[in-house]
Amino acid sequence: MAPHESACAAVGRRIRFAPVKNGSSLAEPNSIALSQPQDAVARSFVLHLGFLAIGLGVVFRSMLFSGFRLMHVNTGDTRLVNFILEHSYRWVLAWLSLHPISLWNQPFFFPTANVGAYSEILLGSAPIYWLFRVAQFAPDTSFQLWMMAVLTLDYFAMIVFLRNCLGFRAFSSTVGALLFAFASPRLAQMDHQQLLPQFFTVFALYGLFRFFRPARMSSAQGIHLFFLGSVLQLWAGFYLGWFLFFGVLVLAVWALSLSRHRTPLLQRLCAHRRSVMLAAGVSILVAAPMAYHYGTALREVGSRPFWAEGQTIPPQAWWYLGPLSWIYSWQERIGWFVGMPYENEKRLGLGWISMVLATLGFYRFERKHRSWSSLAALSALTAILLMTLYPGGFTPWEYLSRVIPGATAVRSVSRLGLWILIPLSIGLAYLVETARRPAVAFLIAAIAFLEQGQNIPGYDKLEIRRDVSAIAARVTKGCGAFYYAAAYARNKENLAPVYKLQIDAMWASLETGVPTVNGYSGNFPKGWWELVDNRVFDDSSRSRLRDTLERWSRSHRLDPARVCWIETP
């Protein structure tokens, strides 16, 4: 990399930054002190906490005002993520009590094995949930607190990166961190809570930054932090872990392709080859169980065919915020945005003004430094272009996904938007940092914050508890397994969605300790799909479903007499 004086250049010392003058980019470390004044540190901490409280209060306002009775977002994927975290907690308790259970053989789709690999496993961020469960909070309440906790960690992780590595001041770092943690693309995906904990990615980038610019930690420590953050991000969520891998892969390709970056990169890798090899080897070993289980699941259920319109990013998605946006809800009625397949996955916009400001800020940041930031810009642009759907239905991703490890498992590449939040957050923070007047900085921050606003829906968790308890009460001790069906009158309106009923049974399984044939996940075992609609309306539909259940039981060597039929009105 080209020589560059970073704000982290002093080893073992803290830096006190001078004010920005004459529109310069970052405050130069003209004055270096052994420690910052305690009152300055306290003011910064109060500032960070104050804006965090505003962010959490806005995002979780309905939940907080209801006394935690309302749960974000819906009775589908929200409860599946909660189920996965709860199973991991019981897995830990079982091992501690010397009665081990499997993390991967979760008690649904019984007796299919390895169903945990049909979706996320979430083990990287699960310990945060375990802490709330140890504190005797109920599973759903623990999940609500977990959501707030992981967004808090996203926020503070970005503050640490912006302040300690890029040298931004407290307010600028706060604005960038607010965008990263509470950006509209993240809030629009709130029903996929596995996408919330991205702080491990920031830790990994912090380590990578320190590897090339050691300060407060050595290059060896930096590369260990990079690999540790990467593997923990993968265990915390496959999507975010894979996008971190993909982003670093593109970054490495560009670095090796450009002579001014290639030589310093190879020199650094050669000088620290033992640390790199050790950290990489340990990370591969840590990730190996996950790779094995997901690979096994892929062979069992098979990969899905590529669908360009659903698995790529149309250009307009970067300007679309969805129907729940405070300011941009009108977009869904505009022709350019109408008819996007999987519209709920394509809400990648930051707001039209914020997108321009953040992009402009990062462009100025890159023009000022022209070192690693140019690689970041090239990598982000390359990733976007590779995954874009072009006129005529062409996309390079259809071909590249066949050769990049793990890419075929990425069904929604539009989640790239969460990775792009990193350079955009840096850009917005830089624009605030270099604002000539405080009023301009506050105006930029206010616009960005307002444009991220989303009206996040919720449901009554107490009502869901009653539904689950009604099923669990019907499961007797003599049941080796059970299948739950919900009875409805033919003319009944507002039927519960199938996924809600299936997940009710999964939670009843946890409550009773009896596995269920019901299930809901990102994939489904072969031969199970005929059991997906567990609603019965009359004797004929009941008979067909019971016959299907018997065939499932016999094909899996289960005694049909021990697979209990559970039905609620």
Foldseek 3Di string as FASTA:
>chain_A
DDDDQACQQAAQAHADFDADPPLAFAGHRPDTDRDDDPVQVVVLVVVLVVVLCVLCCQLCVVCVVVVNQWDFFDLFLLLVVLLLLVLVLVQVVCVVVVNHDDSQCAQELPPDTRCCLLFANQPLLSVQLNVVVVVVDDSRSSSVVSLSVLLSLQLVLQLCCCCNTRNFDSVLSNLLSSCLSQFLLVSLVVSNSLPRRLSLLSQLVSLVSCLLRPHNHHVLSSLLSNLVSLLSNCNNHVVSSVLSVLLVVLLVVVQCVDVVRNVSVVVSCVVCVVSNVVSVVVSCVSCVVSVVSNVVVCVQFPFDDDDLQQAFAEPCLQAANDLQFPPRNCVCVDPVLDPRVVSSLSNLYLHPVLVVQLVVLLVVVCVNGVDSSVSSVVSLVVLNQQRYQDPPRDHNCNVVLVPDPPSSVRRHSSVNSSVVSSSSSNSLSSSLSSDPDVVVSVVSSVVSVNRRRGDHHTDRVVVLVVLLVVQLVPDDPLAQEEEEAEEDAPPDPDDDDLSSRLSSRSVSCVVNVHRYSGDDGSGRGPLSVVQSHRYDHDPVRVVVNLVSVVVSCVVVVHDSVRHYYTYDD
